[in-house]
Amino acid sequence: MTERGEAKRDGAKMQKNSGRGDYQKGDAKWNQFLVDYKEASESFTINSRIWSKICTDTFKVDRNLHPALKLIIGKNDKIRLAVIE
């Protein structure tokens, strides 16, 4: 499923030109969160550098939003995990 499909599944609103430019960071807004979707076939490593970028991007969009990362792992059977502040 694409980022757009995941956002629709979550009921989130997609950001225009996500990841490009200075102001429309993140992939989608959902409730009080700015969600960054990441897909991987088998594994995904999260470290302080990656989480720091997600937080910085969120605050560039709106300091009232909270950063969130949604991981979609697997080729056929998907495992969906969320990391939130």
Protein backbone atom coordinates (compact mmCIF):
# COMPACT_ATOMS: atom_id res chain seq x y z
CA MET A 1 0.00 0.00 0.00
CA THR A 2 1.24 3.50 -0.75
CA GLU A 3 1.63 6.39 1.70
CA ARG A 4 -1.58 7.82 0.27
CA GLY A 5 -3.35 4.50 0.86
CA GLU A 6 -2.08 4.27 4.43
CA ALA A 7 -3.13 7.86 5.14
CA LYS A 8 -6.61 7.15 3.75
CA ARG A 9 -6.79 3.97 5.86
CA ASP A 10 -5.93 6.07 8.94
CA GLY A 11 -8.30 8.90 8.05
CA ALA A 12 -5.34 11.30 7.81
CA LYS A 13 -5.05 14.29 5.47
CA MET A 14 -2.09 14.17 3.08
CA GLN A 15 0.40 17.04 3.04
CA LYS A 16 1.03 18.74 -0.33
CA ASN A 17 4.52 17.99 -1.70
CA SER A 18 5.49 16.18 1.50
CA GLY A 19 9.22 16.17 2.11
CA ARG A 20 9.86 18.95 -0.41
CA GLY A 21 10.36 22.56 0.56
CA ASP A 22 10.47 24.05 4.03
CA TYR A 23 6.89 24.00 5.25
CA GLN A 24 5.00 20.90 4.11
CA LYS A 25 7.05 18.29 5.94
CA GLY A 26 5.74 14.89 6.96
CA ASP A 27 3.34 12.79 4.94
CA ALA A 28 -0.02 13.47 6.57
CA LYS A 29 -1.83 15.19 9.43
CA TRP A 30 -3.96 13.05 11.71
CA ASN A 31 -5.64 14.54 14.78
CA GLN A 32 -2.83 16.34 16.65
CA PHE A 33 -0.05 14.39 14.89
CA LEU A 34 2.12 14.92 11.83
CA VAL A 35 2.67 11.38 10.57
CA ASP A 36 5.71 10.21 8.61
CA TYR A 37 5.02 6.86 6.89
CA LYS A 38 7.89 4.42 6.30
CA GLU A 39 7.56 1.10 4.49
CA ALA A 40 10.06 -1.76 4.61
CA SER A 41 9.97 -5.33 3.35
CA GLU A 42 11.62 -6.93 6.40
CA SER A 43 13.02 -4.42 8.89
CA PHE A 44 13.45 -0.75 9.65
CA THR A 45 16.03 0.79 11.95
CA ILE A 46 15.08 3.81 13.99
CA ASN A 47 17.73 5.81 15.79
CA SER A 48 18.05 9.23 17.41
CA ARG A 49 19.03 10.90 14.11
CA ILE A 50 15.91 9.65 12.31
CA TRP A 51 13.60 10.53 15.21
CA SER A 52 15.23 13.96 15.55
CA LYS A 53 14.52 14.72 11.87
CA ILE A 54 10.89 13.65 12.27
CA CYS A 55 10.55 15.95 15.31
CA THR A 56 12.25 18.88 13.55
CA ASP A 57 10.05 18.47 10.46
CA THR A 58 6.93 18.40 12.65
CA PHE A 59 7.85 21.62 14.44
CA LYS A 60 8.57 23.34 11.11
CA VAL A 61 4.98 22.64 10.06
CA ASP A 62 3.20 23.46 13.33
CA ARG A 63 4.57 23.62 16.86
CA ASN A 64 1.19 22.47 18.16
CA LEU A 65 1.46 19.11 16.35
CA HIS A 66 3.15 16.03 17.76
CA PRO A 67 5.57 13.90 15.73
CA ALA A 68 4.51 10.38 14.76
CA LEU A 69 6.15 7.65 12.72
CA LYS A 70 4.09 4.83 11.23
CA LEU A 71 6.08 1.79 10.15
CA ILE A 72 4.61 -0.69 7.70
CA ILE A 73 6.76 -3.82 7.64
CA GLY A 74 6.29 -6.89 5.46
CA LYS A 75 5.78 -7.90 1.85
CA ASN A 76 2.44 -9.71 2.06
CA ASP A 77 1.29 -9.77 5.67
CA LYS A 78 1.81 -6.24 6.93
CA ILE A 79 2.79 -5.33 10.47
CA ARG A 80 1.85 -1.75 11.32
CA LEU A 81 3.57 0.00 14.21
CA ALA A 82 3.38 3.58 15.43
CA VAL A 83 6.02 5.57 17.28
CA ILE A 84 4.70 8.74 18.88
CA GLU A 85 6.06 11.38 21.19
